[in-house]
Protein backbone atom coordinates (compact mmCIF):
# COMPACT_ATOMS: atom_id res chain seq x y z
CA MET A 1 31.46 16.30 5.90
CA ARG A 2 32.80 18.64 3.45
CA SER A 3 31.95 19.24 -0.26
CA GLN A 4 34.41 18.08 -3.08
CA ASP A 5 34.14 21.85 -4.37
CA THR A 6 35.88 24.37 -2.18
CA GLU A 7 33.29 26.83 -3.38
CA ARG A 8 30.41 25.57 -1.80
CA GLU A 9 29.67 25.39 1.57
CA PRO A 10 30.18 22.28 3.71
CA VAL A 11 27.03 19.76 4.11
CA PRO A 12 25.81 19.73 7.69
CA GLY A 13 26.27 16.49 9.48
CA ALA A 14 22.63 17.02 10.94
CA ARG A 15 19.65 14.02 10.31
CA ASP A 16 17.28 14.28 7.62
CA ALA A 17 14.62 15.45 9.77
CA GLU A 18 16.91 18.15 11.50
CA ARG A 19 18.22 19.59 8.15
CA PRO A 20 15.70 22.24 6.23
CA LEU A 21 14.94 21.50 2.84
CA PRO A 22 14.51 23.94 -0.16
CA ASP A 23 11.03 25.10 -0.57
CA ALA A 24 11.39 23.26 -3.82
CA ARG A 25 11.99 19.68 -2.33
CA ARG A 26 9.49 20.21 0.76
CA THR A 27 6.72 18.02 0.59
CA VAL A 28 3.33 20.08 0.69
CA ALA A 29 0.36 18.80 2.34
CA ARG A 30 -2.42 18.79 -0.22
CA ARG A 31 -5.70 17.23 -0.28
CA SER A 32 -5.69 14.34 -2.36
CA GLU A 33 -7.66 13.76 -5.43
CA GLY A 34 -10.27 10.78 -4.43
CA HIS A 35 -9.86 8.48 -1.48
CA LYS A 36 -7.08 6.30 -2.75
CA ASN A 37 -8.33 3.62 -0.08
CA ALA A 38 -11.80 3.62 -1.01
CA LEU A 39 -14.00 0.34 -2.30
CA LYS A 40 -13.46 0.42 -5.97
CA HIS A 41 -14.63 -2.93 -7.29
CA GLY A 42 -16.68 -4.60 -4.52
CA ASP A 43 -14.09 -8.15 -4.13
CA TYR A 44 -14.29 -7.29 -0.42
CA THR A 45 -17.52 -6.35 0.63
CA ALA A 46 -19.03 -8.85 3.32
CA GLU A 47 -21.44 -10.15 0.88
CA ALA A 48 -18.70 -11.02 -1.74
CA ILE A 49 -16.56 -12.69 1.13
CA THR A 50 -19.73 -14.62 2.23
CA ARG A 51 -20.38 -15.67 -1.43
CA ARG A 52 -16.69 -17.03 -1.90
CA ARG A 53 -16.83 -19.20 1.11
CA ALA A 54 -20.04 -20.71 0.19
CA ILE A 55 -18.60 -21.73 -3.26
CA ALA A 56 -15.44 -22.88 -1.50
CA LYS A 57 -17.60 -24.94 0.83
CA LEU A 58 -20.05 -26.49 -1.70
CA LEU A 59 -16.70 -27.08 -3.86
CA ARG A 60 -15.08 -29.03 -1.17
CA GLU A 61 -18.43 -30.92 -0.67
CA ALA A 62 -18.32 -32.17 -4.21
CA LYS A 63 -14.85 -33.18 -4.24
CA ALA A 64 -15.66 -35.25 -1.12
CA VAL A 65 -18.62 -36.72 -2.87
CA LEU A 66 -16.61 -37.47 -6.01
CA LYS A 67 -14.12 -39.14 -3.65
CA GLU A 68 -16.50 -41.49 -1.74
CA VAL A 69 -17.79 -42.44 -5.41
CA SER A 70 -14.80 -43.36 -6.91
């Protein structure tokens, strides 16, 4: 594959992993600022999940009772 501009060098046909990138485009491995996968709001703690399941169970039972009464 050759560039349209005759003054430029031809672009190598290698895969991206094999092609060296200039320093400005190379990804820099660094420590992230804060743990992005950290638990932030408590929505998925065991306690919260258990509470939601208990509420869902109560709602199902209440709907069944109302259906029987109607």
